[in-house]
């Protein structure tokens, strides 16, 4: 991860950004307990954002009637 920039440091995972390539694009590195996954920032990382938002909404759905 030499030359990468740390974007987020959490208790369990970190997110890094690789240096930009000749095309001007960079990848996102998901670092989780010693495992590093390189995610294409245009496709895979965007889909990961959608997936985590969807899961979070489903987990936090109110049960029953909240507003009456």
PDB file of N, CA and C in Angstrom:
ATOM      1  N   UNK A   1       0.826  -1.183   0.000  1.00  0.00           N
ATOM      2  CA  UNK A   1       0.000   0.000   0.000  1.00  0.00           C
ATOM      3  C   UNK A   1       0.879   1.259   0.000  1.00  0.00           C
ATOM      4  N   UNK A   2       2.094   1.078  -0.468  1.00  0.00           N
ATOM      5  CA  UNK A   2       3.034   2.194  -0.531  1.00  0.00           C
ATOM      6  C   UNK A   2       2.472   3.302  -1.425  1.00  0.00           C
ATOM      7  N   UNK A   3       2.479   4.513  -0.924  1.00  0.00           N
ATOM      8  CA  UNK A   3       1.988   5.651  -1.685  1.00  0.00           C
ATOM      9  C   UNK A   3       0.492   5.853  -1.590  1.00  0.00           C
ATOM     10  N   UNK A   4      -0.213   4.943  -0.896  1.00  0.00           N
ATOM     11  CA  UNK A   4      -1.663   5.067  -0.755  1.00  0.00           C
ATOM     12  C   UNK A   4      -2.013   6.035   0.360  1.00  0.00           C
ATOM     13  N   UNK A   5      -3.172   6.633   0.249  1.00  0.00           N
ATOM     14  CA  UNK A   5      -3.645   7.634   1.209  1.00  0.00           C
ATOM     15  C   UNK A   5      -4.771   7.024   2.043  1.00  0.00           C
ATOM     16  N   UNK A   6      -4.640   7.112   3.371  1.00  0.00           N
ATOM     17  CA  UNK A   6      -5.673   6.577   4.253  1.00  0.00           C
ATOM     18  C   UNK A   6      -6.881   7.510   4.235  1.00  0.00           C
ATOM     19  N   UNK A   7      -8.052   6.953   3.918  1.00  0.00           N
ATOM     20  CA  UNK A   7      -9.292   7.729   3.854  1.00  0.00           C
ATOM     21  C   UNK A   7     -10.129   7.564   5.112  1.00  0.00           C
ATOM     22  N   UNK A   8     -10.049   6.385   5.706  1.00  0.00           N
ATOM     23  CA  UNK A   8     -10.869   6.091   6.874  1.00  0.00           C
ATOM     24  C   UNK A   8     -10.134   5.089   7.745  1.00  0.00           C
ATOM     25  N   UNK A   9     -10.127   5.347   9.050  1.00  0.00           N
ATOM     26  CA  UNK A   9      -9.532   4.412  10.004  1.00  0.00           C
ATOM     27  C   UNK A   9     -10.581   4.066  11.042  1.00  0.00           C
ATOM     28  N   UNK A  10     -10.979   2.818  11.044  1.00  0.00           N
ATOM     29  CA  UNK A  10     -11.974   2.360  11.994  1.00  0.00           C
ATOM     30  C   UNK A  10     -11.389   1.366  12.966  1.00  0.00           C
ATOM     31  N   UNK A  11     -12.222   0.890  13.845  1.00  0.00           N
ATOM     32  CA  UNK A  11     -11.775  -0.092  14.830  1.00  0.00           C
ATOM     33  C   UNK A  11     -11.495  -1.439  14.166  1.00  0.00           C
ATOM     34  N   UNK A  12     -12.286  -1.783  13.150  1.00  0.00           N
ATOM     35  CA  UNK A  12     -12.163  -3.096  12.519  1.00  0.00           C
ATOM     36  C   UNK A  12     -11.675  -3.042  11.075  1.00  0.00           C
ATOM     37  N   UNK A  13     -11.848  -1.924  10.399  1.00  0.00           N
ATOM     38  CA  UNK A  13     -11.423  -1.845   9.002  1.00  0.00           C
ATOM     39  C   UNK A  13     -10.922  -0.455   8.681  1.00  0.00           C
ATOM     40  N   UNK A  14     -10.086  -0.409   7.647  1.00  0.00           N
ATOM     41  CA  UNK A  14      -9.552   0.849   7.137  1.00  0.00           C
ATOM     42  C   UNK A  14      -9.835   0.920   5.645  1.00  0.00           C
ATOM     43  N   UNK A  15      -9.950   2.128   5.117  1.00  0.00           N
ATOM     44  CA  UNK A  15     -10.094   2.355   3.681  1.00  0.00           C
ATOM     45  C   UNK A  15      -8.950   3.247   3.216  1.00  0.00           C
ATOM     46  N   UNK A  16      -8.324   2.843   2.124  1.00  0.00           N
ATOM     47  CA  UNK A  16      -7.206   3.568   1.540  1.00  0.00           C
ATOM     48  C   UNK A  16      -7.518   3.874   0.086  1.00  0.00           C
ATOM     49  N   UNK A  17      -6.835   4.852  -0.470  1.00  0.00           N
ATOM     50  CA  UNK A  17      -6.953   5.170  -1.895  1.00  0.00           C
ATOM     51  C   UNK A  17      -5.572   5.027  -2.524  1.00  0.00           C
ATOM     52  N   UNK A  18      -5.506   4.273  -3.620  1.00  0.00           N
ATOM     53  CA  UNK A  18      -4.235   4.107  -4.320  1.00  0.00           C
ATOM     54  C   UNK A  18      -3.898   5.393  -5.080  1.00  0.00           C
ATOM     55  N   UNK A  19      -2.627   5.567  -5.427  1.00  0.00           N
ATOM     56  CA  UNK A  19      -2.274   6.714  -6.273  1.00  0.00           C
ATOM     57  C   UNK A  19      -2.995   6.607  -7.621  1.00  0.00           C
ATOM     58  N   UNK A  20      -3.282   7.742  -8.215  1.00  0.00           N
ATOM     59  CA  UNK A  20      -3.972   7.753  -9.513  1.00  0.00           C
ATOM     60  C   UNK A  20      -3.053   7.212 -10.604  1.00  0.00           C
ATOM     61  N   UNK A  21      -3.657   6.429 -11.486  1.00  0.00           N
ATOM     62  CA  UNK A  21      -2.913   5.874 -12.612  1.00  0.00           C
ATOM     63  C   UNK A  21      -2.848   6.859 -13.761  1.00  0.00           C
ATOM     64  N   UNK A  22      -2.341   6.389 -14.878  1.00  0.00           N
ATOM     65  CA  UNK A  22      -2.230   7.236 -16.065  1.00  0.00           C
ATOM     66  C   UNK A  22      -3.587   7.711 -16.550  1.00  0.00           C
ATOM     67  N   UNK A  23      -4.619   6.927 -16.267  1.00  0.00           N
ATOM     68  CA  UNK A  23      -5.982   7.297 -16.670  1.00  0.00           C
ATOM     69  C   UNK A  23      -6.637   8.267 -15.687  1.00  0.00           C
ATOM     70  N   UNK A  24      -5.914   8.623 -14.618  1.00  0.00           N
ATOM     71  CA  UNK A  24      -6.449   9.560 -13.633  1.00  0.00           C
ATOM     72  C   UNK A  24      -7.350   8.925 -12.599  1.00  0.00           C
ATOM     73  N   UNK A  25      -7.465   7.597 -12.622  1.00  0.00           N
ATOM     74  CA  UNK A  25      -8.346   6.899 -11.691  1.00  0.00           C
ATOM     75  C   UNK A  25      -7.538   6.200 -10.604  1.00  0.00           C
ATOM     76  N   UNK A  26      -8.173   6.002  -9.478  1.00  0.00           N
ATOM     77  CA  UNK A  26      -7.538   5.290  -8.371  1.00  0.00           C
ATOM     78  C   UNK A  26      -8.477   4.184  -7.900  1.00  0.00           C
ATOM     79  N   UNK A  27      -7.932   3.269  -7.118  1.00  0.00           N
ATOM     80  CA  UNK A  27      -8.728   2.200  -6.533  1.00  0.00           C
ATOM     81  C   UNK A  27      -8.868   2.442  -5.037  1.00  0.00           C
ATOM     82  N   UNK A  28      -9.832   1.793  -4.452  1.00  0.00           N
ATOM     83  CA  UNK A  28     -10.039   1.845  -3.009  1.00  0.00           C
ATOM     84  C   UNK A  28      -9.556   0.518  -2.440  1.00  0.00           C
ATOM     85  N   UNK A  29      -8.791   0.577  -1.367  1.00  0.00           N
ATOM     86  CA  UNK A  29      -8.312  -0.630  -0.699  1.00  0.00           C
ATOM     87  C   UNK A  29      -9.096  -0.783   0.599  1.00  0.00           C
ATOM     88  N   UNK A  30      -9.754  -1.917   0.746  1.00  0.00           N
ATOM     89  CA  UNK A  30     -10.455  -2.268   1.977  1.00  0.00           C
ATOM     90  C   UNK A  30      -9.510  -3.153   2.774  1.00  0.00           C
ATOM     91  N   UNK A  31      -9.066  -2.672   3.912  1.00  0.00           N
ATOM     92  CA  UNK A  31      -8.148  -3.408   4.767  1.00  0.00           C
ATOM     93  C   UNK A  31      -8.925  -3.907   5.979  1.00  0.00           C
ATOM     94  N   UNK A  32      -8.993  -5.222   6.109  1.00  0.00           N
ATOM     95  CA  UNK A  32      -9.785  -5.835   7.175  1.00  0.00           C
ATOM     96  C   UNK A  32      -8.969  -6.932   7.829  1.00  0.00           C
ATOM     97  N   UNK A  33      -8.447  -6.653   9.010  1.00  0.00           N
ATOM     98  CA  UNK A  33      -7.690  -7.629   9.802  1.00  0.00           C
ATOM     99  C   UNK A  33      -6.595  -8.323   8.995  1.00  0.00           C
ATOM    100  N   UNK A  34      -5.787  -7.540   8.325  1.00  0.00           N
ATOM    101  CA  UNK A  34      -4.650  -8.077   7.594  1.00  0.00           C
ATOM    102  C   UNK A  34      -4.944  -8.508   6.167  1.00  0.00           C
ATOM    103  N   UNK A  35      -6.195  -8.470   5.759  1.00  0.00           N
ATOM    104  CA  UNK A  35      -6.573  -8.798   4.383  1.00  0.00           C
ATOM    105  C   UNK A  35      -6.829  -7.501   3.631  1.00  0.00           C
ATOM    106  N   UNK A  36      -6.274  -7.400   2.442  1.00  0.00           N
ATOM    107  CA  UNK A  36      -6.438  -6.189   1.636  1.00  0.00           C
ATOM    108  C   UNK A  36      -7.165  -6.527   0.341  1.00  0.00           C
ATOM    109  N   UNK A  37      -8.306  -5.898   0.128  1.00  0.00           N
ATOM    110  CA  UNK A  37      -9.074  -6.074  -1.090  1.00  0.00           C
ATOM    111  C   UNK A  37      -9.009  -4.787  -1.897  1.00  0.00           C
ATOM    112  N   UNK A  38      -8.588  -4.891  -3.141  1.00  0.00           N
ATOM    113  CA  UNK A  38      -8.508  -3.738  -4.029  1.00  0.00           C
ATOM    114  C   UNK A  38      -9.816  -3.641  -4.798  1.00  0.00           C
ATOM    115  N   UNK A  39     -10.540  -2.550  -4.619  1.00  0.00           N
ATOM    116  CA  UNK A  39     -11.854  -2.361  -5.225  1.00  0.00           C
ATOM    117  C   UNK A  39     -11.786  -1.253  -6.264  1.00  0.00           C
ATOM    118  N   UNK A  40     -12.277  -1.528  -7.457  1.00  0.00           N
ATOM    119  CA  UNK A  40     -12.346  -0.513  -8.498  1.00  0.00           C
ATOM    120  C   UNK A  40     -13.283   0.587  -8.012  1.00  0.00           C
ATOM    121  N   UNK A  41     -12.792   1.806  -7.943  1.00  0.00           N
ATOM    122  CA  UNK A  41     -13.591   2.891  -7.360  1.00  0.00           C
ATOM    123  C   UNK A  41     -14.811   3.256  -8.195  1.00  0.00           C
ATOM    124  N   UNK A  42     -14.789   2.950  -9.492  1.00  0.00           N
ATOM    125  CA  UNK A  42     -15.919   3.300 -10.359  1.00  0.00           C
ATOM    126  C   UNK A  42     -17.041   2.277 -10.317  1.00  0.00           C
ATOM    127  N   UNK A  43     -16.714   1.025 -10.065  1.00  0.00           N
ATOM    128  CA  UNK A  43     -17.745  -0.017 -10.155  1.00  0.00           C
ATOM    129  C   UNK A  43     -17.952  -0.742  -8.842  1.00  0.00           C
ATOM    130  N   UNK A  44     -16.946  -1.468  -8.400  1.00  0.00           N
ATOM    131  CA  UNK A  44     -17.107  -2.322  -7.216  1.00  0.00           C
ATOM    132  C   UNK A  44     -17.359  -1.502  -5.961  1.00  0.00           C
ATOM    133  N   UNK A  45     -16.592  -0.423  -5.755  1.00  0.00           N
ATOM    134  CA  UNK A  45     -16.765   0.372  -4.538  1.00  0.00           C
ATOM    135  C   UNK A  45     -18.133   1.037  -4.525  1.00  0.00           C
ATOM    136  N   UNK A  46     -18.590   1.527  -5.675  1.00  0.00           N
ATOM    137  CA  UNK A  46     -19.921   2.135  -5.751  1.00  0.00           C
ATOM    138  C   UNK A  46     -21.002   1.122  -5.395  1.00  0.00           C
ATOM    139  N   UNK A  47     -20.856  -0.106  -5.888  1.00  0.00           N
ATOM    140  CA  UNK A  47     -21.832  -1.145  -5.589  1.00  0.00           C
ATOM    141  C   UNK A  47     -21.770  -1.531  -4.112  1.00  0.00           C
ATOM    142  N   UNK A  48     -20.569  -1.521  -3.526  1.00  0.00           N
ATOM    143  CA  UNK A  48     -20.428  -1.810  -2.102  1.00  0.00           C
ATOM    144  C   UNK A  48     -21.160  -0.750  -1.273  1.00  0.00           C
ATOM    145  N   UNK A  49     -21.079   0.505  -1.686  1.00  0.00           N
ATOM    146  CA  UNK A  49     -21.797   1.571  -0.986  1.00  0.00           C
ATOM    147  C   UNK A  49     -23.304   1.330  -1.031  1.00  0.00           C
ATOM    148  N   UNK A  50     -23.819   0.993  -2.191  1.00  0.00           N
ATOM    149  CA  UNK A  50     -25.251   0.718  -2.340  1.00  0.00           C
ATOM    150  C   UNK A  50     -25.654  -0.473  -1.472  1.00  0.00           C
ATOM    151  N   UNK A  51     -24.833  -1.522  -1.488  1.00  0.00           N
ATOM    152  CA  UNK A  51     -25.134  -2.723  -0.716  1.00  0.00           C
ATOM    153  C   UNK A  51     -25.164  -2.445   0.787  1.00  0.00           C
ATOM    154  N   UNK A  52     -24.183  -1.699   1.295  1.00  0.00           N
ATOM    155  CA  UNK A  52     -24.157  -1.419   2.731  1.00  0.00           C
ATOM    156  C   UNK A  52     -25.308  -0.499   3.134  1.00  0.00           C
ATOM    157  N   UNK A  53     -25.667   0.456   2.279  1.00  0.00           N
ATOM    158  CA  UNK A  53     -26.821   1.318   2.560  1.00  0.00           C
ATOM    159  C   UNK A  53     -28.107   0.496   2.615  1.00  0.00           C
ATOM    160  N   UNK A  54     -28.259  -0.433   1.675  1.00  0.00           N
ATOM    161  CA  UNK A  54     -29.449  -1.282   1.629  1.00  0.00           C
ATOM    162  C   UNK A  54     -29.549  -2.149   2.870  1.00  0.00           C
ATOM    163  N   UNK A  55     -28.444  -2.774   3.243  1.00  0.00           N
ATOM    164  CA  UNK A  55     -28.437  -3.630   4.439  1.00  0.00           C
ATOM    165  C   UNK A  55     -28.746  -2.801   5.675  1.00  0.00           C
ATOM    166  N   UNK A  56     -28.153  -1.628   5.782  1.00  0.00           N
ATOM    167  CA  UNK A  56     -28.386  -0.769   6.949  1.00  0.00           C
ATOM    168  C   UNK A  56     -29.852  -0.367   7.059  1.00  0.00           C
ATOM    169  N   UNK A  57     -30.469  -0.009   5.920  1.00  0.00           N
ATOM    170  CA  UNK A  57     -31.891   0.361   5.941  1.00  0.00           C
ATOM    171  C   UNK A  57     -32.754  -0.809   6.390  1.00  0.00           C
ATOM    172  N   UNK A  58     -32.451  -2.003   5.884  1.00  0.00           N
ATOM    173  CA  UNK A  58     -33.242  -3.187   6.243  1.00  0.00           C
ATOM    174  C   UNK A  58     -33.088  -3.527   7.725  1.00  0.00           C
ATOM    175  N   UNK A  59     -31.894  -3.395   8.238  1.00  0.00           N
ATOM    176  CA  UNK A  59     -31.650  -3.723   9.646  1.00  0.00           C
ATOM    177  C   UNK A  59     -32.290  -2.713  10.587  1.00  0.00           C
ATOM    178  N   UNK A  60     -32.454  -1.486  10.124  1.00  0.00           N
ATOM    179  CA  UNK A  60     -33.000  -0.433  10.980  1.00  0.00           C
ATOM    180  C   UNK A  60     -34.456  -0.113  10.676  1.00  0.00           C
ATOM    181  N   UNK A  61     -35.119  -0.995   9.949  1.00  0.00           N
ATOM    182  CA  UNK A  61     -36.543  -0.773   9.647  1.00  0.00           C
ATOM    183  C   UNK A  61     -37.332  -0.807  10.948  1.00  0.00           C
ATOM    184  N   UNK A  62     -38.214   0.141  11.121  1.00  0.00           N
ATOM    185  CA  UNK A  62     -39.054   0.123  12.321  1.00  0.00           C
ATOM    186  C   UNK A  62     -40.019  -1.056  12.279  1.00  0.00           C
ATOM    187  N   UNK A  63     -40.246  -1.618  13.429  1.00  0.00           N
ATOM    188  CA  UNK A  63     -41.233  -2.702  13.492  1.00  0.00           C
ATOM    189  C   UNK A  63     -42.523  -2.129  14.044  1.00  0.00           C
ATOM    190  N   UNK A  64     -43.572  -2.280  13.284  1.00  0.00           N
ATOM    191  CA  UNK A  64     -44.859  -1.727  13.713  1.00  0.00           C
ATOM    192  C   UNK A  64     -45.024  -0.294  13.254  1.00  0.00           C
ATOM    193  N   UNK A  65     -46.062   0.340  13.748  1.00  0.00           N
ATOM    194  CA  UNK A  65     -46.381   1.706  13.385  1.00  0.00           C
ATOM    195  C   UNK A  65     -45.601   2.670  14.276  1.00  0.00           C
ATOM    196  N   UNK A  66     -44.806   3.534  13.641  1.00  0.00           N
ATOM    197  CA  UNK A  66     -44.015   4.489  14.401  1.00  0.00           C
ATOM    198  C   UNK A  66     -44.724   5.820  14.583  1.00  0.00           C
ATOM    199  N   UNK A  67     -45.389   6.264  13.531  1.00  0.00           N
ATOM    200  CA  UNK A  67     -46.038   7.567  13.555  1.00  0.00           C
ATOM    201  C   UNK A  67     -47.547   7.387  13.473  1.00  0.00           C
ATOM    202  N   UNK A  68     -48.199   7.749  14.530  1.00  0.00           N
ATOM    203  CA  UNK A  68     -49.667   7.638  14.530  1.00  0.00           C
ATOM    204  C   UNK A  68     -50.258   8.909  15.081  1.00  0.00           C
TER     205      UNK A  68
END
